[in-house]
Amino acid sequence: MTLLLTRSLITELLDPDTVMAGLRAGFLAADPDVRPLRVRTDLPRPGTATPRPGAATLGPGAATPPGPGTATALLPGVIDGIPAYTVKVNAKFPDATPALRGLVCLHDLADGELLAVLDSATVTAWRTGLAAALATHALAAGHAGSVSVVGAGAQARMVLRGLARLRELTRLTVCDTDPARAAAFAAEHERLLGIPVETAAEPRRAASRGDIVVLATWSRSPLLDASDLRPGMHVTTLGADEPGKVELAADALRHALTVVDNLELAVAMGALGNSGLGADAAHASLGQVLHGERPGRESSDQITVYAPVGLPWQDLALAWPVYRAAAGAGACPQVDFLA
């Protein structure tokens, strides 16, 4: 039987501290011989046919233009010591609510049995946000407590939730293209965090107010460049996770000590490659920093950047404990796909 894990069930069963412990263990245990795959494609607009290679659809030599959505598959999600693996398929539609929809399939590592199907929007927000919180805490200056978020969405919410458990936060600034959403996010977090919270009209203004800056947007052009980075600042850029998406200019990434989650993916479809940079622009991977193989921040005035793409094993780090908790509770909907 396969467990069906909806958003409400997942959030009921999850604990941020448990998830962050699993993510940290995953960064330390990730097998370098397992190549993470992110397979992405543009989706056509409704009512358009997918053209054959070389076919003309809008006139001589024209091709069907892509629609607003993309489909992405992440596989295989494996962590040493966990007898399961994940395959995730997401659809991203930036103008939809929610913008991300899809499924995470949890399989038995021994025989491929489908153990559970989970809502991927919830899994992705939690694992992306909490992994970013871990990295941000590891790379930011010890005294840094003022945070600015650009993009008032689910991922920024989870970064703050995790970061508040790892260090003392003293002030929050919120920026979003939708002022009403920024104001609602600010009011919510002033209540949750018990700290002063304000809004800013544009990213540079927000960044000027934070020791820690979290970018979590759909931007396809730089929001900040090297001139916006102050000594001692840390920036986490979450939006550059597929080709064409950019939040930090190339000179900012070059100017800072830049850490990635996976070097190959960062160049192929992440912050480095999307800004025209190669592997030499990265100082280290987060796993290398956590292992002590490469240093992270070495002084209080150093500028650091964390620029992840998101890795398949992170889905497993969340899906496995949720599955075990749900199986133990015995009150989760199930389906037999082989019936």
C-alpha atoms as a PDB file:
ATOM      1  CA  MET A   1       0.000   0.000   0.000  1.00  0.00           C
ATOM      2  CA  THR A   2       1.122   3.551  -0.769  1.00  0.00           C
ATOM      3  CA  LEU A   3       0.609   6.356   1.758  1.00  0.00           C
ATOM      4  CA  LEU A   4      -0.897   9.591   0.439  1.00  0.00           C
ATOM      5  CA  LEU A   5       0.676  12.549   2.238  1.00  0.00           C
ATOM      6  CA  THR A   6      -1.074  15.870   1.662  1.00  0.00           C
ATOM      7  CA  ARG A   7       0.162  19.326   2.625  1.00  0.00           C
ATOM      8  CA  SER A   8      -1.808  19.352   5.881  1.00  0.00           C
ATOM      9  CA  LEU A   9      -0.573  15.905   6.898  1.00  0.00           C
ATOM     10  CA  ILE A  10       3.042  16.758   6.072  1.00  0.00           C
ATOM     11  CA  THR A  11       3.028  19.994   8.065  1.00  0.00           C
ATOM     12  CA  GLU A  12       1.332  18.240  10.974  1.00  0.00           C
ATOM     13  CA  LEU A  13       4.038  15.560  11.065  1.00  0.00           C
ATOM     14  CA  LEU A  14       7.097  17.747  10.429  1.00  0.00           C
ATOM     15  CA  ASP A  15       9.368  19.322  13.008  1.00  0.00           C
ATOM     16  CA  PRO A  16      11.884  21.965  11.806  1.00  0.00           C
ATOM     17  CA  ASP A  17      14.633  20.794  14.159  1.00  0.00           C
ATOM     18  CA  THR A  18      14.320  17.185  12.967  1.00  0.00           C
ATOM     19  CA  VAL A  19      14.340  18.288   9.335  1.00  0.00           C
ATOM     20  CA  MET A  20      17.423  20.484   9.808  1.00  0.00           C
ATOM     21  CA  ALA A  21      19.247  17.660  11.578  1.00  0.00           C
ATOM     22  CA  GLY A  22      18.430  15.369   8.653  1.00  0.00           C
ATOM     23  CA  LEU A  23      19.544  17.954   6.116  1.00  0.00           C
ATOM     24  CA  ARG A  24      22.811  18.557   7.916  1.00  0.00           C
ATOM     25  CA  ALA A  25      23.446  14.809   8.035  1.00  0.00           C
ATOM     26  CA  GLY A  26      22.634  14.631   4.331  1.00  0.00           C
ATOM     27  CA  PHE A  27      25.177  17.311   3.436  1.00  0.00           C
ATOM     28  CA  LEU A  28      27.776  15.337   5.374  1.00  0.00           C
ATOM     29  CA  ALA A  29      26.776  11.932   3.984  1.00  0.00           C
ATOM     30  CA  ALA A  30      25.980  12.757   0.344  1.00  0.00           C
ATOM     31  CA  ASP A  31      27.709  10.282  -1.970  1.00  0.00           C
ATOM     32  CA  PRO A  32      29.879  12.182  -4.492  1.00  0.00           C
ATOM     33  CA  ASP A  33      29.561   9.243  -6.903  1.00  0.00           C
ATOM     34  CA  VAL A  34      25.775   9.704  -7.201  1.00  0.00           C
ATOM     35  CA  ARG A  35      25.216  12.388  -9.834  1.00  0.00           C
ATOM     36  CA  PRO A  36      22.157  14.521  -9.025  1.00  0.00           C
ATOM     37  CA  LEU A  37      19.895  15.013 -12.021  1.00  0.00           C
ATOM     38  CA  ARG A  38      17.605  17.976 -12.623  1.00  0.00           C
ATOM     39  CA  VAL A  39      15.771  17.521 -15.912  1.00  0.00           C
ATOM     40  CA  ARG A  40      13.821  20.606 -16.977  1.00  0.00           C
ATOM     41  CA  THR A  41      11.698  21.488 -19.980  1.00  0.00           C
ATOM     42  CA  ASP A  42       9.466  24.374 -21.036  1.00  0.00           C
ATOM     43  CA  LEU A  43       5.797  23.517 -21.432  1.00  0.00           C
ATOM     44  CA  PRO A  44       3.822  24.694 -24.497  1.00  0.00           C
ATOM     45  CA  ARG A  45       0.843  26.990 -24.206  1.00  0.00           C
ATOM     46  CA  PRO A  46      -2.567  25.310 -23.913  1.00  0.00           C
ATOM     47  CA  GLY A  47      -3.988  24.402 -27.315  1.00  0.00           C
ATOM     48  CA  THR A  48      -0.647  24.354 -29.115  1.00  0.00           C
ATOM     49  CA  ALA A  49       0.839  21.222 -30.552  1.00  0.00           C
ATOM     50  CA  THR A  50       4.382  20.196 -29.823  1.00  0.00           C
ATOM     51  CA  PRO A  51       6.184  20.618 -33.155  1.00  0.00           C
ATOM     52  CA  ARG A  52       8.212  17.919 -34.820  1.00  0.00           C
ATOM     53  CA  PRO A  53      11.912  18.779 -35.171  1.00  0.00           C
ATOM     54  CA  GLY A  54      12.203  21.354 -37.940  1.00  0.00           C
ATOM     55  CA  ALA A  55       8.443  21.836 -38.273  1.00  0.00           C
ATOM     56  CA  ALA A  56       7.052  25.324 -38.868  1.00  0.00           C
ATOM     57  CA  THR A  57       4.109  26.305 -36.671  1.00  0.00           C
ATOM     58  CA  LEU A  58       3.930  30.098 -36.743  1.00  0.00           C
ATOM     59  CA  GLY A  59       5.333  30.696 -40.172  1.00  0.00           C
ATOM     60  CA  PRO A  60       8.383  29.609 -42.091  1.00  0.00           C
ATOM     61  CA  GLY A  61      10.985  28.298 -39.658  1.00  0.00           C
ATOM     62  CA  ALA A  62       9.006  29.309 -36.573  1.00  0.00           C
ATOM     63  CA  ALA A  63       8.587  27.098 -33.525  1.00  0.00           C
ATOM     64  CA  THR A  64       5.825  26.936 -30.964  1.00  0.00           C
ATOM     65  CA  PRO A  65       6.668  29.499 -28.237  1.00  0.00           C
ATOM     66  CA  PRO A  66       6.937  28.182 -24.690  1.00  0.00           C
ATOM     67  CA  GLY A  67       4.061  28.793 -22.323  1.00  0.00           C
ATOM     68  CA  PRO A  68       4.336  30.189 -18.796  1.00  0.00           C
ATOM     69  CA  GLY A  69       5.117  26.866 -17.151  1.00  0.00           C
ATOM     70  CA  THR A  70       8.043  24.488 -16.798  1.00  0.00           C
ATOM     71  CA  ALA A  71       8.303  20.854 -15.751  1.00  0.00           C
ATOM     72  CA  THR A  72      11.269  19.640 -13.705  1.00  0.00           C
ATOM     73  CA  ALA A  73      12.231  16.193 -12.450  1.00  0.00           C
ATOM     74  CA  LEU A  74      14.758  15.641  -9.637  1.00  0.00           C
ATOM     75  CA  LEU A  75      16.315  12.223  -9.155  1.00  0.00           C
ATOM     76  CA  PRO A  76      17.589  10.106  -7.545  1.00  0.00           C
ATOM     77  CA  GLY A  77      17.184  11.266  -3.955  1.00  0.00           C
ATOM     78  CA  VAL A  78      19.483   8.985  -1.962  1.00  0.00           C
ATOM     79  CA  ILE A  79      21.240   9.292   1.406  1.00  0.00           C
ATOM     80  CA  ASP A  80      23.567   6.678   2.857  1.00  0.00           C
ATOM     81  CA  GLY A  81      21.756   4.791   5.606  1.00  0.00           C
ATOM     82  CA  ILE A  82      18.189   5.450   4.405  1.00  0.00           C
ATOM     83  CA  PRO A  83      16.654   2.400   2.651  1.00  0.00           C
ATOM     84  CA  ALA A  84      14.580   4.473   0.221  1.00  0.00           C
ATOM     85  CA  TYR A  85      14.941   6.927  -2.635  1.00  0.00           C
ATOM     86  CA  THR A  86      12.856   9.761  -4.083  1.00  0.00           C
ATOM     87  CA  VAL A  87      11.851  10.965  -7.523  1.00  0.00           C
ATOM     88  CA  LYS A  88      10.222  14.404  -7.700  1.00  0.00           C
ATOM     89  CA  VAL A  89       8.282  15.944 -10.570  1.00  0.00           C
ATOM     90  CA  ASN A  90       7.338  19.617 -10.314  1.00  0.00           C
ATOM     91  CA  ALA A  91       5.381  22.003 -12.486  1.00  0.00           C
ATOM     92  CA  LYS A  92       6.227  25.697 -12.036  1.00  0.00           C
ATOM     93  CA  PHE A  93       3.803  28.430 -13.079  1.00  0.00           C
ATOM     94  CA  PRO A  94       5.010  31.758 -11.631  1.00  0.00           C
ATOM     95  CA  ASP A  95       1.640  33.506 -12.000  1.00  0.00           C
ATOM     96  CA  ALA A  96      -0.386  30.690 -10.422  1.00  0.00           C
ATOM     97  CA  THR A  97      -1.222  30.177  -6.746  1.00  0.00           C
ATOM     98  CA  PRO A  98       0.512  28.096  -5.610  1.00  0.00           C
ATOM     99  CA  ALA A  99       3.243  28.599  -8.192  1.00  0.00           C
ATOM    100  CA  LEU A 100       4.700  25.135  -7.697  1.00  0.00           C
ATOM    101  CA  ARG A 101       2.712  21.902  -7.936  1.00  0.00           C
ATOM    102  CA  GLY A 102       3.733  18.291  -8.190  1.00  0.00           C
ATOM    103  CA  LEU A 103       4.567  15.073  -6.390  1.00  0.00           C
ATOM    104  CA  VAL A 104       7.441  13.448  -4.556  1.00  0.00           C
ATOM    105  CA  CYS A 105       7.441   9.659  -4.915  1.00  0.00           C
ATOM    106  CA  LEU A 106       9.168   7.725  -2.131  1.00  0.00           C
ATOM    107  CA  HIS A 107      10.336   4.253  -3.186  1.00  0.00           C
ATOM    108  CA  ASP A 108      11.826   1.284  -1.335  1.00  0.00           C
ATOM    109  CA  LEU A 109      15.511   1.090  -2.229  1.00  0.00           C
ATOM    110  CA  ALA A 110      15.472  -2.729  -2.267  1.00  0.00           C
ATOM    111  CA  ASP A 111      12.668  -3.393  -4.752  1.00  0.00           C
ATOM    112  CA  GLY A 112      11.278  -0.037  -5.903  1.00  0.00           C
ATOM    113  CA  GLU A 113       7.952  -0.384  -4.073  1.00  0.00           C
ATOM    114  CA  LEU A 114       6.112   2.947  -3.985  1.00  0.00           C
ATOM    115  CA  LEU A 115       5.961   3.683  -0.268  1.00  0.00           C
ATOM    116  CA  ALA A 116       4.399   7.133  -0.340  1.00  0.00           C
ATOM    117  CA  VAL A 117       3.358  10.029  -2.543  1.00  0.00           C
ATOM    118  CA  LEU A 118       3.866  13.496  -1.045  1.00  0.00           C
ATOM    119  CA  ASP A 119       2.810  17.020  -2.042  1.00  0.00           C
ATOM    120  CA  SER A 120       5.962  18.479  -3.591  1.00  0.00           C
ATOM    121  CA  ALA A 121       5.139  22.139  -2.933  1.00  0.00           C
ATOM    122  CA  THR A 122       5.273  21.483   0.807  1.00  0.00           C
ATOM    123  CA  VAL A 123       8.342  19.261   0.605  1.00  0.00           C
ATOM    124  CA  THR A 124      10.184  21.776  -1.588  1.00  0.00           C
ATOM    125  CA  ALA A 125       9.398  24.795   0.580  1.00  0.00           C
ATOM    126  CA  TRP A 126      10.494  23.032   3.770  1.00  0.00           C
ATOM    127  CA  ARG A 127      13.662  21.425   2.486  1.00  0.00           C
ATOM    128  CA  THR A 128      14.771  24.459   0.455  1.00  0.00           C
ATOM    129  CA  GLY A 129      14.061  26.945   3.209  1.00  0.00           C
ATOM    130  CA  LEU A 130      15.537  24.918   6.055  1.00  0.00           C
ATOM    131  CA  ALA A 131      18.636  23.893   4.066  1.00  0.00           C
ATOM    132  CA  ALA A 132      19.110  27.602   3.321  1.00  0.00           C
ATOM    133  CA  ALA A 133      18.717  28.405   7.017  1.00  0.00           C
ATOM    134  CA  LEU A 134      21.465  25.899   7.854  1.00  0.00           C
ATOM    135  CA  ALA A 135      23.801  27.340   5.234  1.00  0.00           C
ATOM    136  CA  THR A 136      23.010  30.933   6.161  1.00  0.00           C
ATOM    137  CA  HIS A 137      23.767  30.288   9.821  1.00  0.00           C
ATOM    138  CA  ALA A 138      27.010  28.516   8.900  1.00  0.00           C
ATOM    139  CA  LEU A 139      28.255  31.348   6.655  1.00  0.00           C
ATOM    140  CA  ALA A 140      26.888  34.537   8.224  1.00  0.00           C
ATOM    141  CA  ALA A 141      28.892  36.478  10.789  1.00  0.00           C
ATOM    142  CA  GLY A 142      28.256  35.341  14.333  1.00  0.00           C
ATOM    143  CA  HIS A 143      26.811  38.689  15.383  1.00  0.00           C
ATOM    144  CA  ALA A 144      24.494  39.046  12.355  1.00  0.00           C
ATOM    145  CA  GLY A 145      20.890  39.359  13.507  1.00  0.00           C
ATOM    146  CA  SER A 146      19.207  41.793  11.117  1.00  0.00           C
ATOM    147  CA  VAL A 147      17.632  40.003   8.154  1.00  0.00           C
ATOM    148  CA  SER A 148      16.187  41.285   4.891  1.00  0.00           C
ATOM    149  CA  VAL A 149      14.054  39.060   2.672  1.00  0.00           C
ATOM    150  CA  VAL A 150      13.297  39.862  -0.950  1.00  0.00           C
ATOM    151  CA  GLY A 151      10.366  37.750  -2.081  1.00  0.00           C
ATOM    152  CA  ALA A 152       7.694  37.219   0.596  1.00  0.00           C
ATOM    153  CA  GLY A 153       6.802  33.634  -0.236  1.00  0.00           C
ATOM    154  CA  ALA A 154       6.902  30.126   1.210  1.00  0.00           C
ATOM    155  CA  GLN A 155      10.669  29.692   0.933  1.00  0.00           C
ATOM    156  CA  ALA A 156      11.487  32.963   2.693  1.00  0.00           C
ATOM    157  CA  ARG A 157       9.023  31.986   5.412  1.00  0.00           C
ATOM    158  CA  MET A 158      10.820  28.674   5.995  1.00  0.00           C
ATOM    159  CA  VAL A 159      14.280  30.287   5.990  1.00  0.00           C
ATOM    160  CA  LEU A 160      13.155  32.612   8.767  1.00  0.00           C
ATOM    161  CA  ARG A 161      11.509  29.777  10.684  1.00  0.00           C
ATOM    162  CA  GLY A 162      14.730  27.772  10.632  1.00  0.00           C
ATOM    163  CA  LEU A 163      17.087  30.692  11.155  1.00  0.00           C
ATOM    164  CA  ALA A 164      15.177  31.835  14.244  1.00  0.00           C
ATOM    165  CA  ARG A 165      15.950  28.442  15.806  1.00  0.00           C
ATOM    166  CA  LEU A 166      19.666  28.760  15.054  1.00  0.00           C
ATOM    167  CA  ARG A 167      20.485  32.348  16.060  1.00  0.00           C
ATOM    168  CA  GLU A 168      18.945  35.429  17.625  1.00  0.00           C
ATOM    169  CA  LEU A 169      17.202  37.651  15.084  1.00  0.00           C
ATOM    170  CA  THR A 170      16.941  41.337  15.930  1.00  0.00           C
ATOM    171  CA  ARG A 171      15.211  43.000  12.979  1.00  0.00           C
ATOM    172  CA  LEU A 172      13.465  42.041   9.727  1.00  0.00           C
ATOM    173  CA  THR A 173      12.946  43.967   6.497  1.00  0.00           C
ATOM    174  CA  VAL A 174      10.550  42.621   3.854  1.00  0.00           C
ATOM    175  CA  CYS A 175      10.459  43.462   0.148  1.00  0.00           C
ATOM    176  CA  ASP A 176       8.135  42.042  -2.510  1.00  0.00           C
ATOM    177  CA  THR A 177       6.827  43.118  -5.909  1.00  0.00           C
ATOM    178  CA  ASP A 178       3.364  43.016  -4.323  1.00  0.00           C
ATOM    179  CA  PRO A 179       3.280  45.630  -1.510  1.00  0.00           C
ATOM    180  CA  ALA A 180       0.193  44.049   0.062  1.00  0.00           C
ATOM    181  CA  ARG A 181       1.913  40.685   0.286  1.00  0.00           C
ATOM    182  CA  ALA A 182       4.998  42.321   1.804  1.00  0.00           C
ATOM    183  CA  ALA A 183       2.857  44.067   4.403  1.00  0.00           C
ATOM    184  CA  ALA A 184       1.025  40.854   5.321  1.00  0.00           C
ATOM    185  CA  PHE A 185       4.319  38.944   5.590  1.00  0.00           C
ATOM    186  CA  ALA A 186       5.756  41.714   7.775  1.00  0.00           C
ATOM    187  CA  ALA A 187       2.759  41.748  10.125  1.00  0.00           C
ATOM    188  CA  GLU A 188       2.803  37.954  10.418  1.00  0.00           C
ATOM    189  CA  HIS A 189       6.487  37.806  11.295  1.00  0.00           C
ATOM    190  CA  GLU A 190       6.405  40.720  13.697  1.00  0.00           C
ATOM    191  CA  ARG A 191       3.884  38.635  15.626  1.00  0.00           C
ATOM    192  CA  LEU A 192       5.763  35.333  15.231  1.00  0.00           C
ATOM    193  CA  LEU A 193       9.294  36.569  15.885  1.00  0.00           C
ATOM    194  CA  GLY A 194       8.585  39.381  18.328  1.00  0.00           C
ATOM    195  CA  ILE A 195      11.093  41.725  16.648  1.00  0.00           C
ATOM    196  CA  PRO A 196      10.760  45.036  14.771  1.00  0.00           C
ATOM    197  CA  VAL A 197       9.690  44.442  11.147  1.00  0.00           C
ATOM    198  CA  GLU A 198       9.491  46.953   8.320  1.00  0.00           C
ATOM    199  CA  THR A 199       8.954  46.867   4.565  1.00  0.00           C
ATOM    200  CA  ALA A 200      11.089  48.260   1.763  1.00  0.00           C
ATOM    201  CA  ALA A 201       9.953  49.241  -1.701  1.00  0.00           C
ATOM    202  CA  GLU A 202      12.859  47.782  -3.668  1.00  0.00           C
ATOM    203  CA  PRO A 203      15.604  45.160  -3.231  1.00  0.00           C
ATOM    204  CA  ARG A 204      18.577  47.515  -2.866  1.00  0.00           C
ATOM    205  CA  ARG A 205      16.845  49.421  -0.095  1.00  0.00           C
ATOM    206  CA  ALA A 206      15.993  46.161   1.673  1.00  0.00           C
ATOM    207  CA  ALA A 207      19.561  44.863   1.339  1.00  0.00           C
ATOM    208  CA  SER A 208      20.979  48.040   2.855  1.00  0.00           C
ATOM    209  CA  ARG A 209      19.138  47.280   6.095  1.00  0.00           C
ATOM    210  CA  GLY A 210      20.208  43.671   6.656  1.00  0.00           C
ATOM    211  CA  ASP A 211      23.355  41.877   7.767  1.00  0.00           C
ATOM    212  CA  ILE A 212      21.733  38.780   6.237  1.00  0.00           C
ATOM    213  CA  VAL A 213      19.871  39.036   2.931  1.00  0.00           C
ATOM    214  CA  VAL A 214      17.649  36.270   1.564  1.00  0.00           C
ATOM    215  CA  LEU A 215      16.631  36.492  -2.104  1.00  0.00           C
ATOM    216  CA  ALA A 216      13.738  34.177  -3.016  1.00  0.00           C
ATOM    217  CA  THR A 217      12.214  35.465  -6.249  1.00  0.00           C
ATOM    218  CA  TRP A 218      11.452  34.570  -9.868  1.00  0.00           C
ATOM    219  CA  SER A 219      13.821  37.273 -11.133  1.00  0.00           C
ATOM    220  CA  ARG A 220      15.512  36.924 -14.514  1.00  0.00           C
ATOM    221  CA  SER A 221      17.769  39.954 -14.050  1.00  0.00           C
ATOM    222  CA  PRO A 222      20.119  40.889 -11.183  1.00  0.00           C
ATOM    223  CA  LEU A 223      18.525  42.432  -8.118  1.00  0.00           C
ATOM    224  CA  LEU A 224      21.850  43.260  -6.450  1.00  0.00           C
ATOM    225  CA  ASP A 225      25.399  43.811  -7.695  1.00  0.00           C
ATOM    226  CA  ALA A 226      28.790  44.145  -6.009  1.00  0.00           C
ATOM    227  CA  SER A 227      28.152  47.764  -5.057  1.00  0.00           C
ATOM    228  CA  ASP A 228      25.236  46.606  -2.863  1.00  0.00           C
ATOM    229  CA  LEU A 229      27.384  44.247  -0.777  1.00  0.00           C
ATOM    230  CA  ARG A 230      28.810  45.628   2.472  1.00  0.00           C
ATOM    231  CA  PRO A 231      31.681  44.169   4.511  1.00  0.00           C
ATOM    232  CA  GLY A 232      30.365  41.438   6.798  1.00  0.00           C
ATOM    233  CA  MET A 233      27.157  40.859   4.826  1.00  0.00           C
ATOM    234  CA  HIS A 234      25.831  37.423   3.922  1.00  0.00           C
ATOM    235  CA  VAL A 235      23.468  36.820   0.968  1.00  0.00           C
ATOM    236  CA  THR A 236      21.526  33.633   0.270  1.00  0.00           C
ATOM    237  CA  THR A 237      20.132  33.522  -3.277  1.00  0.00           C
ATOM    238  CA  LEU A 238      17.433  30.874  -3.742  1.00  0.00           C
ATOM    239  CA  GLY A 239      15.775  31.973  -6.967  1.00  0.00           C
ATOM    240  CA  ALA A 240      18.504  31.026  -9.455  1.00  0.00           C
ATOM    241  CA  ASP A 241      17.548  27.356  -9.612  1.00  0.00           C
ATOM    242  CA  GLU A 242      16.972  26.884 -13.352  1.00  0.00           C
ATOM    243  CA  PRO A 243      18.320  28.394 -16.581  1.00  0.00           C
ATOM    244  CA  GLY A 244      17.609  32.084 -17.080  1.00  0.00           C
ATOM    245  CA  LYS A 245      16.902  32.957 -13.439  1.00  0.00           C
ATOM    246  CA  VAL A 246      19.281  35.507 -11.866  1.00  0.00           C
ATOM    247  CA  GLU A 247      19.222  37.407  -8.567  1.00  0.00           C
ATOM    248  CA  LEU A 248      22.892  38.368  -8.053  1.00  0.00           C
ATOM    249  CA  ALA A 249      25.078  39.985 -10.706  1.00  0.00           C
ATOM    250  CA  ALA A 250      28.287  38.264 -11.752  1.00  0.00           C
ATOM    251  CA  ASP A 251      30.461  40.891 -10.056  1.00  0.00           C
ATOM    252  CA  ALA A 252      28.688  40.237  -6.733  1.00  0.00           C
ATOM    253  CA  LEU A 253      29.357  36.507  -6.965  1.00  0.00           C
ATOM    254  CA  ARG A 254      32.983  37.180  -7.867  1.00  0.00           C
ATOM    255  CA  HIS A 255      33.390  39.756  -5.085  1.00  0.00           C
ATOM    256  CA  ALA A 256      32.075  37.446  -2.355  1.00  0.00           C
ATOM    257  CA  LEU A 257      33.172  34.100  -0.997  1.00  0.00           C
ATOM    258  CA  THR A 258      30.552  32.057  -2.859  1.00  0.00           C
ATOM    259  CA  VAL A 259      29.444  28.626  -1.646  1.00  0.00           C
ATOM    260  CA  VAL A 260      27.139  26.350  -3.667  1.00  0.00           C
ATOM    261  CA  ASP A 261      25.335  23.081  -2.960  1.00  0.00           C
ATOM    262  CA  ASN A 262      26.556  21.346  -6.125  1.00  0.00           C
ATOM    263  CA  LEU A 263      29.211  22.802  -8.410  1.00  0.00           C
ATOM    264  CA  GLU A 264      28.104  21.047 -11.601  1.00  0.00           C
ATOM    265  CA  LEU A 265      24.487  22.179 -11.264  1.00  0.00           C
ATOM    266  CA  ALA A 266      25.466  25.700 -10.173  1.00  0.00           C
ATOM    267  CA  VAL A 267      27.288  26.098 -13.489  1.00  0.00           C
ATOM    268  CA  ALA A 268      24.731  24.243 -15.612  1.00  0.00           C
ATOM    269  CA  MET A 269      21.573  25.972 -14.374  1.00  0.00           C
ATOM    270  CA  GLY A 270      22.263  27.902 -11.189  1.00  0.00           C
ATOM    271  CA  ALA A 271      23.591  31.253 -10.024  1.00  0.00           C
ATOM    272  CA  LEU A 272      27.046  30.785 -11.549  1.00  0.00           C
ATOM    273  CA  GLY A 273      26.174  29.681 -15.071  1.00  0.00           C
ATOM    274  CA  ASN A 274      23.134  31.952 -15.308  1.00  0.00           C
ATOM    275  CA  SER A 275      25.447  34.914 -14.655  1.00  0.00           C
ATOM    276  CA  GLY A 276      28.026  33.767 -17.208  1.00  0.00           C
ATOM    277  CA  LEU A 277      30.470  32.410 -14.622  1.00  0.00           C
ATOM    278  CA  GLY A 278      32.279  29.100 -14.421  1.00  0.00           C
ATOM    279  CA  ALA A 279      33.294  26.737 -11.652  1.00  0.00           C
ATOM    280  CA  ASP A 280      36.240  28.909 -10.623  1.00  0.00           C
ATOM    281  CA  ALA A 281      33.821  31.494  -9.204  1.00  0.00           C
ATOM    282  CA  ALA A 282      32.800  29.106  -6.416  1.00  0.00           C
ATOM    283  CA  HIS A 283      34.900  28.810  -3.282  1.00  0.00           C
ATOM    284  CA  ALA A 284      33.426  25.508  -2.092  1.00  0.00           C
ATOM    285  CA  SER A 285      30.324  23.394  -1.700  1.00  0.00           C
ATOM    286  CA  LEU A 286      28.381  23.544   1.546  1.00  0.00           C
ATOM    287  CA  GLY A 287      29.241  19.904   2.195  1.00  0.00           C
ATOM    288  CA  GLN A 288      32.948  20.750   1.997  1.00  0.00           C
ATOM    289  CA  VAL A 289      32.468  23.624   4.446  1.00  0.00           C
ATOM    290  CA  LEU A 290      30.471  21.524   6.918  1.00  0.00           C
ATOM    291  CA  HIS A 291      33.040  18.715   6.639  1.00  0.00           C
ATOM    292  CA  GLY A 292      35.863  21.190   7.334  1.00  0.00           C
ATOM    293  CA  GLU A 293      37.495  20.399   3.983  1.00  0.00           C
ATOM    294  CA  ARG A 294      37.249  24.064   2.941  1.00  0.00           C
ATOM    295  CA  PRO A 295      36.919  27.093   5.213  1.00  0.00           C
ATOM    296  CA  GLY A 296      33.745  29.099   5.325  1.00  0.00           C
ATOM    297  CA  ARG A 297      33.722  32.648   6.646  1.00  0.00           C
ATOM    298  CA  GLU A 298      37.142  33.514   8.041  1.00  0.00           C
ATOM    299  CA  SER A 299      36.552  37.078   9.302  1.00  0.00           C
ATOM    300  CA  SER A 300      33.684  39.245  10.483  1.00  0.00           C
ATOM    301  CA  ASP A 301      34.074  41.663   7.570  1.00  0.00           C
ATOM    302  CA  GLN A 302      34.162  39.020   4.839  1.00  0.00           C
ATOM    303  CA  ILE A 303      31.247  38.952   2.368  1.00  0.00           C
ATOM    304  CA  THR A 304      29.696  35.522   1.856  1.00  0.00           C
ATOM    305  CA  VAL A 305      27.086  34.149  -0.553  1.00  0.00           C
ATOM    306  CA  TYR A 306      25.191  30.867  -0.555  1.00  0.00           C
ATOM    307  CA  ALA A 307      23.876  30.013  -4.015  1.00  0.00           C
ATOM    308  CA  PRO A 308      22.101  26.627  -4.071  1.00  0.00           C
ATOM    309  CA  VAL A 309      20.178  24.964  -6.878  1.00  0.00           C
ATOM    310  CA  GLY A 310      18.493  22.291  -4.756  1.00  0.00           C
ATOM    311  CA  LEU A 311      19.456  18.611  -4.695  1.00  0.00           C
ATOM    312  CA  PRO A 312      17.344  15.445  -4.966  1.00  0.00           C
ATOM    313  CA  TRP A 313      18.593  13.942  -1.702  1.00  0.00           C
ATOM    314  CA  GLN A 314      17.122  16.905   0.180  1.00  0.00           C
ATOM    315  CA  ASP A 315      13.641  15.649  -0.736  1.00  0.00           C
ATOM    316  CA  LEU A 316      14.497  12.294   0.835  1.00  0.00           C
ATOM    317  CA  ALA A 317      15.802  13.974   4.001  1.00  0.00           C
ATOM    318  CA  LEU A 318      12.281  15.278   4.521  1.00  0.00           C
ATOM    319  CA  ALA A 319      10.158  12.547   2.928  1.00  0.00           C
ATOM    320  CA  TRP A 320      11.656   9.664   4.923  1.00  0.00           C
ATOM    321  CA  PRO A 321      10.928  10.954   8.463  1.00  0.00           C
ATOM    322  CA  VAL A 322       7.450  12.069   7.358  1.00  0.00           C
ATOM    323  CA  TYR A 323       6.735   8.626   5.911  1.00  0.00           C
ATOM    324  CA  ARG A 324       7.932   6.859   9.059  1.00  0.00           C
ATOM    325  CA  ALA A 325       5.846   9.140  11.271  1.00  0.00           C
ATOM    326  CA  ALA A 326       2.756   8.644   9.103  1.00  0.00           C
ATOM    327  CA  ALA A 327       3.224   4.874   8.951  1.00  0.00           C
ATOM    328  CA  GLY A 328       3.599   4.768  12.722  1.00  0.00           C
ATOM    329  CA  ALA A 329       0.476   6.862  13.284  1.00  0.00           C
ATOM    330  CA  GLY A 330      -1.600   4.520  11.119  1.00  0.00           C
ATOM    331  CA  ALA A 331      -4.187   7.171  10.244  1.00  0.00           C
ATOM    332  CA  CYS A 332      -2.991   8.179   6.792  1.00  0.00           C
ATOM    333  CA  PRO A 333      -4.943   7.630   3.546  1.00  0.00           C
ATOM    334  CA  GLN A 334      -3.585   4.770   1.473  1.00  0.00           C
ATOM    335  CA  VAL A 335      -4.036   3.451  -2.030  1.00  0.00           C
ATOM    336  CA  ASP A 336      -3.070   0.224  -3.769  1.00  0.00           C
ATOM    337  CA  PHE A 337      -1.880   1.241  -7.258  1.00  0.00           C
ATOM    338  CA  LEU A 338      -1.533  -2.431  -8.178  1.00  0.00           C
ATOM    339  CA  ALA A 339      -5.157  -3.303  -7.377  1.00  0.00           C
END
